[in-house]
C-alpha atoms as a PDB file:
ATOM      1  CA  MET A   1      34.061  15.030 127.971  1.00  0.00           C
ATOM      2  CA  LEU A   2      33.152  17.980 130.441  1.00  0.00           C
ATOM      3  CA  ARG A   3      35.072  18.517 133.479  1.00  0.00           C
ATOM      4  CA  VAL A   4      35.054  21.280 135.997  1.00  0.00           C
ATOM      5  CA  GLN A   5      38.035  22.067 138.203  1.00  0.00           C
ATOM      6  CA  LEU A   6      39.546  25.049 140.226  1.00  0.00           C
ATOM      7  CA  LEU A   7      41.885  27.282 138.248  1.00  0.00           C
ATOM      8  CA  PRO A   8      45.418  27.215 139.663  1.00  0.00           C
ATOM      9  CA  PRO A   9      47.133  30.969 139.528  1.00  0.00           C
ATOM     10  CA  ASP A  10      49.485  29.760 136.891  1.00  0.00           C
ATOM     11  CA  HIS A  11      46.586  29.212 134.088  1.00  0.00           C
ATOM     12  CA  LEU A  12      44.941  32.615 134.449  1.00  0.00           C
ATOM     13  CA  TRP A  13      45.216  32.791 130.516  1.00  0.00           C
ATOM     14  CA  ASP A  14      42.996  30.128 130.228  1.00  0.00           C
ATOM     15  CA  ILE A  15      39.663  32.178 130.652  1.00  0.00           C
ATOM     16  CA  LEU A  16      40.791  35.813 129.578  1.00  0.00           C
ATOM     17  CA  ASP A  17      40.025  35.056 125.941  1.00  0.00           C
ATOM     18  CA  LEU A  18      36.499  34.022 126.869  1.00  0.00           C
ATOM     19  CA  CYS A  19      35.684  37.505 128.407  1.00  0.00           C
ATOM     20  CA  PRO A  20      35.125  39.996 125.738  1.00  0.00           C
ATOM     21  CA  ARG A  21      33.073  37.245 123.947  1.00  0.00           C
ATOM     22  CA  GLN A  22      30.243  38.067 126.088  1.00  0.00           C
ATOM     23  CA  THR A  23      29.768  41.369 124.488  1.00  0.00           C
ATOM     24  CA  ASP A  24      28.315  42.348 121.065  1.00  0.00           C
ATOM     25  CA  GLN A  25      31.748  43.579 119.742  1.00  0.00           C
ATOM     26  CA  LYS A  26      30.530  44.263 116.410  1.00  0.00           C
ATOM     27  CA  ALA A  27      28.156  47.095 117.304  1.00  0.00           C
ATOM     28  CA  THR A  28      30.482  48.691 119.695  1.00  0.00           C
ATOM     29  CA  TRP A  29      34.018  48.089 118.337  1.00  0.00           C
ATOM     30  CA  GLU A  30      36.269  51.385 118.013  1.00  0.00           C
ATOM     31  CA  PRO A  31      39.639  51.541 116.232  1.00  0.00           C
ATOM     32  CA  GLY A  32      42.300  50.762 118.987  1.00  0.00           C
ATOM     33  CA  ASP A  33      39.878  48.101 120.888  1.00  0.00           C
ATOM     34  CA  SER A  34      42.304  45.311 120.389  1.00  0.00           C
ATOM     35  CA  GLY A  35      45.138  46.857 122.106  1.00  0.00           C
ATOM     36  CA  ARG A  36      42.564  48.258 124.769  1.00  0.00           C
ATOM     37  CA  TYR A  37      41.069  44.740 125.590  1.00  0.00           C
ATOM     38  CA  ARG A  38      44.645  43.248 125.575  1.00  0.00           C
ATOM     39  CA  GLN A  39      45.670  45.894 128.161  1.00  0.00           C
ATOM     40  CA  GLY A  40      42.678  45.048 130.202  1.00  0.00           C
ATOM     41  CA  GLN A  41      43.288  41.210 129.913  1.00  0.00           C
ATOM     42  CA  HIS A  42      46.818  41.777 131.320  1.00  0.00           C
ATOM     43  CA  ARG A  43      45.686  43.928 134.119  1.00  0.00           C
ATOM     44  CA  ARG A  44      42.911  41.506 134.816  1.00  0.00           C
ATOM     45  CA  VAL A  45      45.712  38.800 135.372  1.00  0.00           C
ATOM     46  CA  GLY A  46      47.310  41.078 137.950  1.00  0.00           C
ATOM     47  CA  PHE A  47      44.027  41.663 139.762  1.00  0.00           C
ATOM     48  CA  LEU A  48      43.069  38.033 139.706  1.00  0.00           C
ATOM     49  CA  ALA A  49      46.366  36.785 141.002  1.00  0.00           C
ATOM     50  CA  ARG A  50      46.235  39.384 144.006  1.00  0.00           C
ATOM     51  CA  LYS A  51      42.680  38.460 144.927  1.00  0.00           C
ATOM     52  CA  MET A  52      43.283  34.625 144.598  1.00  0.00           C
ATOM     53  CA  ALA A  53      46.250  35.072 147.087  1.00  0.00           C
ATOM     54  CA  GLN A  54      43.429  36.464 149.542  1.00  0.00           C
ATOM     55  CA  GLY A  55      41.095  33.642 148.848  1.00  0.00           C
ATOM     56  CA  ALA A  56      39.238  34.283 145.269  1.00  0.00           C
ATOM     57  CA  ARG A  57      38.048  31.217 143.598  1.00  0.00           C
ATOM     58  CA  LEU A  58      37.764  30.286 139.771  1.00  0.00           C
ATOM     59  CA  GLN A  59      36.236  27.085 138.477  1.00  0.00           C
ATOM     60  CA  VAL A  60      36.649  26.320 134.814  1.00  0.00           C
ATOM     61  CA  ALA A  61      34.727  24.075 132.579  1.00  0.00           C
ATOM     62  CA  TYR A  62      36.820  22.236 130.067  1.00  0.00           C
ATOM     63  CA  LEU A  63      35.562  20.203 126.973  1.00  0.00           C
ATOM     64  CA  ASP A  64      38.676  18.056 126.412  1.00  0.00           C
ATOM     65  CA  ASP A  65      41.467  20.434 126.907  1.00  0.00           C
ATOM     66  CA  THR A  66      39.539  23.684 125.670  1.00  0.00           C
ATOM     67  CA  ALA A  67      38.097  25.991 128.099  1.00  0.00           C
ATOM     68  CA  VAL A  68      34.587  26.602 127.520  1.00  0.00           C
ATOM     69  CA  GLY A  69      33.293  28.505 130.719  1.00  0.00           C
ATOM     70  CA  PHE A  70      34.400  29.583 134.076  1.00  0.00           C
ATOM     71  CA  ILE A  71      32.622  30.934 137.331  1.00  0.00           C
ATOM     72  CA  GLU A  72      34.308  33.702 139.339  1.00  0.00           C
ATOM     73  CA  TYR A  73      33.722  34.241 143.174  1.00  0.00           C
ATOM     74  CA  TYR A  74      35.036  35.811 146.422  1.00  0.00           C
ATOM     75  CA  PRO A  75      34.479  35.697 149.928  1.00  0.00           C
ATOM     76  CA  ILE A  76      32.565  38.874 151.101  1.00  0.00           C
ATOM     77  CA  GLU A  77      35.360  40.138 152.939  1.00  0.00           C
ATOM     78  CA  ILE A  78      37.370  40.672 150.002  1.00  0.00           C
ATOM     79  CA  ALA A  79      35.068  41.475 146.957  1.00  0.00           C
ATOM     80  CA  ASN A  80      34.848  44.690 145.671  1.00  0.00           C
ATOM     81  CA  LEU A  81      31.263  44.291 144.924  1.00  0.00           C
ATOM     82  CA  GLU A  82      28.385  46.650 146.309  1.00  0.00           C
ATOM     83  CA  LEU A  83      27.107  43.931 148.852  1.00  0.00           C
ATOM     84  CA  MET A  84      27.064  43.502 152.461  1.00  0.00           C
ATOM     85  CA  GLY A  85      26.643  40.281 154.137  1.00  0.00           C
ATOM     86  CA  GLN A  86      28.154  37.808 156.787  1.00  0.00           C
ATOM     87  CA  GLU A  87      30.155  34.748 156.069  1.00  0.00           C
ATOM     88  CA  ILE A  88      28.950  34.456 152.460  1.00  0.00           C
ATOM     89  CA  VAL A  89      30.384  34.115 148.867  1.00  0.00           C
ATOM     90  CA  VAL A  90      29.643  36.425 145.875  1.00  0.00           C
ATOM     91  CA  ILE A  91      29.711  35.552 142.631  1.00  0.00           C
ATOM     92  CA  TRP A  92      31.318  38.236 140.275  1.00  0.00           C
ATOM     93  CA  CYS A  93      31.150  36.599 136.911  1.00  0.00           C
ATOM     94  CA  MET A  94      29.913  33.451 135.237  1.00  0.00           C
ATOM     95  CA  CYS A  95      30.811  33.092 131.492  1.00  0.00           C
ATOM     96  CA  VAL A  96      29.605  30.041 129.282  1.00  0.00           C
ATOM     97  CA  HIS A  97      30.900  29.924 125.570  1.00  0.00           C
ATOM     98  CA  GLN A  98      28.716  26.943 124.429  1.00  0.00           C
ATOM     99  CA  GLU A  99      25.145  27.079 125.479  1.00  0.00           C
ATOM    100  CA  ARG A 100      22.798  24.245 126.413  1.00  0.00           C
ATOM    101  CA  GLN A 101      25.488  21.755 127.191  1.00  0.00           C
ATOM    102  CA  GLY A 102      25.179  21.703 131.049  1.00  0.00           C
ATOM    103  CA  ILE A 103      28.286  23.858 131.333  1.00  0.00           C
ATOM    104  CA  GLY A 104      26.728  26.757 133.204  1.00  0.00           C
ATOM    105  CA  GLY A 105      24.807  24.348 135.717  1.00  0.00           C
ATOM    106  CA  ALA A 106      28.066  22.390 136.409  1.00  0.00           C
ATOM    107  CA  LEU A 107      29.973  25.431 137.190  1.00  0.00           C
ATOM    108  CA  LEU A 108      27.390  26.715 139.417  1.00  0.00           C
ATOM    109  CA  GLN A 109      27.297  23.616 141.263  1.00  0.00           C
ATOM    110  CA  ALA A 110      30.820  23.505 141.624  1.00  0.00           C
ATOM    111  CA  CYS A 111      30.654  26.813 143.210  1.00  0.00           C
ATOM    112  CA  LEU A 112      27.948  25.940 145.630  1.00  0.00           C
ATOM    113  CA  ASP A 113      29.639  22.756 146.634  1.00  0.00           C
ATOM    114  CA  ASP A 114      33.117  24.662 147.171  1.00  0.00           C
ATOM    115  CA  SER A 115      31.366  27.373 149.131  1.00  0.00           C
ATOM    116  CA  ARG A 116      29.742  24.723 151.468  1.00  0.00           C
ATOM    117  CA  ALA A 117      33.208  23.147 151.950  1.00  0.00           C
ATOM    118  CA  MET A 118      34.804  26.450 152.870  1.00  0.00           C
ATOM    119  CA  GLY A 119      32.096  26.586 155.625  1.00  0.00           C
ATOM    120  CA  ARG A 120      30.322  29.571 154.003  1.00  0.00           C
ATOM    121  CA  ARG A 121      26.558  30.412 154.751  1.00  0.00           C
ATOM    122  CA  GLY A 122      25.125  31.210 151.368  1.00  0.00           C
ATOM    123  CA  VAL A 123      26.206  32.646 147.819  1.00  0.00           C
ATOM    124  CA  ALA A 124      24.833  35.691 146.381  1.00  0.00           C
ATOM    125  CA  VAL A 125      24.925  37.279 142.860  1.00  0.00           C
ATOM    126  CA  THR A 126      23.628  40.205 141.329  1.00  0.00           C
ATOM    127  CA  CYS A 127      21.777  40.141 138.043  1.00  0.00           C
ATOM    128  CA  ARG A 128      20.852  42.604 135.327  1.00  0.00           C
ATOM    129  CA  ASP A 129      18.434  40.436 132.919  1.00  0.00           C
ATOM    130  CA  PRO A 130      19.330  40.045 130.086  1.00  0.00           C
ATOM    131  CA  VAL A 131      22.742  41.654 129.647  1.00  0.00           C
ATOM    132  CA  TRP A 132      24.519  40.498 133.007  1.00  0.00           C
ATOM    133  CA  MET A 133      24.042  37.268 134.858  1.00  0.00           C
ATOM    134  CA  PRO A 134      20.551  36.317 133.566  1.00  0.00           C
ATOM    135  CA  ARG A 135      18.329  34.868 136.430  1.00  0.00           C
ATOM    136  CA  PRO A 136      16.889  31.678 135.400  1.00  0.00           C
ATOM    137  CA  ILE A 137      20.009  29.590 135.750  1.00  0.00           C
ATOM    138  CA  PHE A 138      20.605  30.935 139.271  1.00  0.00           C
ATOM    139  CA  GLU A 139      16.842  30.453 140.080  1.00  0.00           C
ATOM    140  CA  ARG A 140      16.906  26.714 138.857  1.00  0.00           C
ATOM    141  CA  ALA A 141      19.645  26.435 141.469  1.00  0.00           C
ATOM    142  CA  GLY A 142      17.648  27.631 144.399  1.00  0.00           C
ATOM    143  CA  PHE A 143      18.585  31.160 144.342  1.00  0.00           C
ATOM    144  CA  VAL A 144      15.781  33.643 145.439  1.00  0.00           C
ATOM    145  CA  GLU A 145      15.655  37.350 145.106  1.00  0.00           C
ATOM    146  CA  VAL A 146      16.477  39.209 148.131  1.00  0.00           C
ATOM    147  CA  GLY A 147      16.572  42.915 147.382  1.00  0.00           C
ATOM    148  CA  PRO A 148      17.167  45.339 144.345  1.00  0.00           C
ATOM    149  CA  ALA A 149      20.781  45.748 142.972  1.00  0.00           C
ATOM    150  CA  GLY A 150      21.100  49.397 141.888  1.00  0.00           C
ATOM    151  CA  ARG A 151      18.471  50.914 139.465  1.00  0.00           C
ATOM    152  CA  SER A 152      17.920  47.892 137.179  1.00  0.00           C
ATOM    153  CA  GLY A 153      19.307  44.961 139.081  1.00  0.00           C
ATOM    154  CA  ALA A 154      18.414  42.319 141.573  1.00  0.00           C
ATOM    155  CA  VAL A 155      20.478  40.519 144.343  1.00  0.00           C
ATOM    156  CA  LEU A 156      19.717  36.693 144.524  1.00  0.00           C
ATOM    157  CA  PHE A 157      20.655  34.519 147.113  1.00  0.00           C
ATOM    158  CA  ARG A 158      20.987  30.787 147.821  1.00  0.00           C
ATOM    159  CA  PRO A 159      21.306  29.847 151.471  1.00  0.00           C
ATOM    160  CA  LEU A 160      23.665  27.057 152.434  1.00  0.00           C
ATOM    161  CA  VAL A 161      22.506  26.915 155.926  1.00  0.00           C
ATOM    162  CA  ALA A 162      19.054  27.349 157.393  1.00  0.00           C
ATOM    163  CA  ASP A 163      19.753  30.590 159.226  1.00  0.00           C
ATOM    164  CA  ALA A 164      21.838  32.519 156.670  1.00  0.00           C
ATOM    165  CA  SER A 165      21.139  36.078 156.456  1.00  0.00           C
ATOM    166  CA  PRO A 166      20.714  37.609 153.176  1.00  0.00           C
ATOM    167  CA  PRO A 167      22.923  40.151 151.623  1.00  0.00           C
ATOM    168  CA  ARG A 168      21.920  43.724 150.777  1.00  0.00           C
ATOM    169  CA  TRP A 169      22.938  46.077 148.146  1.00  0.00           C
ATOM    170  CA  VAL A 170      24.961  49.088 149.345  1.00  0.00           C
ATOM    171  CA  GLY A 171      26.004  50.820 145.959  1.00  0.00           C
ATOM    172  CA  ARG A 172      25.436  54.622 145.921  1.00  0.00           C
ATOM    173  CA  LYS A 173      26.610  57.432 143.832  1.00  0.00           C
ATOM    174  CA  PRO A 174      29.887  58.743 144.998  1.00  0.00           C
ATOM    175  CA  GLU A 175      30.502  62.243 146.349  1.00  0.00           C
ATOM    176  CA  MET A 176      32.106  64.261 143.913  1.00  0.00           C
ATOM    177  CA  LYS A 177      33.461  67.911 144.145  1.00  0.00           C
ATOM    178  CA  PRO A 178      32.849  70.253 141.277  1.00  0.00           C
ATOM    179  CA  LEU A 179      35.543  72.187 139.678  1.00  0.00           C
ATOM    180  CA  PRO A 180      34.317  75.693 138.626  1.00  0.00           C
ATOM    181  CA  GLY A 181      35.558  76.179 135.182  1.00  0.00           C
ATOM    182  CA  TYR A 182      36.136  72.745 134.127  1.00  0.00           C
ATOM    183  CA  VAL A 183      34.078  69.545 133.209  1.00  0.00           C
ATOM    184  CA  ALA A 184      35.124  67.204 135.799  1.00  0.00           C
ATOM    185  CA  VAL A 185      35.391  63.545 134.830  1.00  0.00           C
ATOM    186  CA  ASP A 186      35.410  61.103 137.716  1.00  0.00           C
ATOM    187  CA  ILE A 187      36.640  57.684 136.726  1.00  0.00           C
ATOM    188  CA  TYR A 188      35.909  54.953 139.408  1.00  0.00           C
ATOM    189  CA  HIS A 189      37.932  51.762 138.248  1.00  0.00           C
ATOM    190  CA  THR A 190      38.510  48.266 138.967  1.00  0.00           C
ATOM    191  CA  ASP A 191      40.795  45.814 136.868  1.00  0.00           C
ATOM    192  CA  ARG A 192      38.397  42.881 137.503  1.00  0.00           C
ATOM    193  CA  CYS A 193      37.039  43.062 134.024  1.00  0.00           C
ATOM    194  CA  PRO A 194      38.815  43.655 130.631  1.00  0.00           C
ATOM    195  CA  LEU A 195      35.781  45.690 129.551  1.00  0.00           C
ATOM    196  CA  HIS A 196      36.205  48.243 132.478  1.00  0.00           C
ATOM    197  CA  TRP A 197      39.708  49.100 131.091  1.00  0.00           C
ATOM    198  CA  ARG A 198      38.499  49.405 127.411  1.00  0.00           C
ATOM    199  CA  ASN A 199      35.968  51.972 128.674  1.00  0.00           C
ATOM    200  CA  THR A 200      38.478  53.694 130.811  1.00  0.00           C
ATOM    201  CA  ALA A 201      41.099  53.899 128.147  1.00  0.00           C
ATOM    202  CA  LEU A 202      38.576  55.355 125.710  1.00  0.00           C
ATOM    203  CA  VAL A 203      37.173  57.848 127.881  1.00  0.00           C
ATOM    204  CA  ARG A 204      40.720  59.032 128.719  1.00  0.00           C
ATOM    205  CA  GLU A 205      41.798  59.425 125.059  1.00  0.00           C
ATOM    206  CA  VAL A 206      38.389  61.505 124.468  1.00  0.00           C
ATOM    207  CA  ALA A 207      38.877  63.705 127.399  1.00  0.00           C
ATOM    208  CA  CYS A 208      42.107  64.597 126.033  1.00  0.00           C
ATOM    209  CA  GLN A 209      40.760  65.837 122.886  1.00  0.00           C
ATOM    210  CA  PHE A 210      39.035  68.620 124.980  1.00  0.00           C
ATOM    211  CA  GLY A 211      42.312  69.767 126.142  1.00  0.00           C
ATOM    212  CA  ASP A 212      42.440  71.945 129.259  1.00  0.00           C
ATOM    213  CA  HIS A 213      38.601  72.175 129.601  1.00  0.00           C
ATOM    214  CA  VAL A 214      38.308  68.636 130.865  1.00  0.00           C
ATOM    215  CA  PHE A 215      39.953  67.557 134.021  1.00  0.00           C
ATOM    216  CA  CYS A 216      40.038  63.725 134.767  1.00  0.00           C
ATOM    217  CA  ARG A 217      40.182  62.333 138.257  1.00  0.00           C
ATOM    218  CA  GLU A 218      40.754  58.741 138.802  1.00  0.00           C
ATOM    219  CA  HIS A 219      39.783  56.662 141.947  1.00  0.00           C
ATOM    220  CA  TRP A 220      40.790  53.115 142.191  1.00  0.00           C
ATOM    221  CA  THR A 221      38.467  50.307 143.624  1.00  0.00           C
ATOM    222  CA  ASP A 222      40.209  46.976 143.609  1.00  0.00           C
ATOM    223  CA  ASP A 223      40.257  46.782 147.394  1.00  0.00           C
ATOM    224  CA  ARG A 224      36.752  46.519 149.069  1.00  0.00           C
ATOM    225  CA  GLU A 225      37.589  49.203 151.619  1.00  0.00           C
ATOM    226  CA  ASP A 226      38.040  51.750 148.635  1.00  0.00           C
ATOM    227  CA  MET A 227      35.046  50.464 146.844  1.00  0.00           C
ATOM    228  CA  LEU A 228      32.841  50.795 150.146  1.00  0.00           C
ATOM    229  CA  HIS A 229      34.252  54.446 150.335  1.00  0.00           C
ATOM    230  CA  TYR A 230      33.332  55.505 147.159  1.00  0.00           C
ATOM    231  CA  GLY A 231      30.072  53.523 147.109  1.00  0.00           C
ATOM    232  CA  THR A 232      30.688  51.997 143.637  1.00  0.00           C
ATOM    233  CA  ALA A 233      33.134  49.634 141.943  1.00  0.00           C
ATOM    234  CA  TYR A 234      33.061  51.025 138.483  1.00  0.00           C
ATOM    235  CA  GLY A 235      31.547  54.075 136.600  1.00  0.00           C
ATOM    236  CA  VAL A 236      32.807  57.387 134.962  1.00  0.00           C
ATOM    237  CA  TYR A 237      30.765  60.831 135.690  1.00  0.00           C
ATOM    238  CA  ALA A 238      31.030  63.989 133.861  1.00  0.00           C
ATOM    239  CA  ASN A 239      30.198  66.957 136.311  1.00  0.00           C
ATOM    240  CA  GLY A 240      28.360  64.512 138.601  1.00  0.00           C
ATOM    241  CA  ARG A 241      26.293  62.583 135.845  1.00  0.00           C
ATOM    242  CA  LEU A 242      26.932  58.942 135.089  1.00  0.00           C
ATOM    243  CA  ILE A 243      28.041  58.553 131.504  1.00  0.00           C
ATOM    244  CA  VAL A 244      29.719  55.100 131.218  1.00  0.00           C
ATOM    245  CA  ALA A 245      28.667  52.366 133.306  1.00  0.00           C
ATOM    246  CA  GLY A 246      29.270  48.224 132.495  1.00  0.00           C
ATOM    247  CA  PRO A 247      28.439  47.857 128.847  1.00  0.00           C
ATOM    248  CA  PRO A 248      30.805  48.829 126.144  1.00  0.00           C
ATOM    249  CA  VAL A 249      30.690  52.577 125.222  1.00  0.00           C
ATOM    250  CA  GLN A 250      31.203  54.382 121.925  1.00  0.00           C
ATOM    251  CA  LYS A 251      33.541  57.152 121.337  1.00  0.00           C
ATOM    252  CA  ALA A 252      30.717  59.250 119.955  1.00  0.00           C
ATOM    253  CA  GLN A 253      28.845  58.897 123.112  1.00  0.00           C
ATOM    254  CA  VAL A 254      31.473  59.808 125.353  1.00  0.00           C
ATOM    255  CA  GLN A 255      32.465  62.829 123.324  1.00  0.00           C
ATOM    256  CA  GLN A 256      28.658  63.858 123.331  1.00  0.00           C
ATOM    257  CA  ALA A 257      28.502  63.707 126.855  1.00  0.00           C
ATOM    258  CA  LEU A 258      31.444  65.866 127.507  1.00  0.00           C
ATOM    259  CA  PHE A 259      30.298  68.179 124.896  1.00  0.00           C
ATOM    260  CA  GLU A 260      27.009  68.621 126.750  1.00  0.00           C
ATOM    261  CA  ALA A 261      28.822  69.145 130.042  1.00  0.00           C
ATOM    262  CA  LEU A 262      30.696  71.838 128.716  1.00  0.00           C
ATOM    263  CA  LEU A 263      27.482  73.601 127.852  1.00  0.00           C
ATOM    264  CA  THR A 264      26.040  73.288 131.026  1.00  0.00           C
END
């Protein structure tokens, strides 16, 4: 029987093994990824514990005693997501391990009911079809597009009160100072997803192969204030050019990007 319940902080590991299954690991797997993902999971536990103490929420779906999905959402005031809004909730991630079982709909309804009980005026999510938060399940629940989210995404919003104001996307390219004589690698990192740490760790390792020619600068965006200051929650740039975003990157892609940066 399917049940959905709020996840207590001492059960965070119930959901972490679900996270990497969202990606096509066979196509992007690199030697050492098991350790990178595991490190990322440990870091995510710490991130979630801090955010849950501030008001973040996770609803988990169980079939019998097995976790088969979760939805993770934040009051806008603590969300390190590139959205601005008033008295709303922002969904960061919804993961379903068994499709066409009503799990996603049950999780989303639990989020909406909880947000309403908290006195929130609406719920927002960013979608990038088909790889991140596909739109149809949200549209079936009454979400409508209210604006773009970066170059390829959309902001969807479900009002919970009649006069709710829709959120807007505020993400932007960070301001980065050049380093004459070096390839400057700027890493904007948050521990909210194990995949982020996997990519960050891989970039660090590749950068070390270039010795003194590459200089890494790391910027942490776990806190909303820092994210708004930089304009992004996650991304890796080489001499100001974006080389790593959300999907799992391959080592050869990073090596090629840094080699090209050395030649320019």
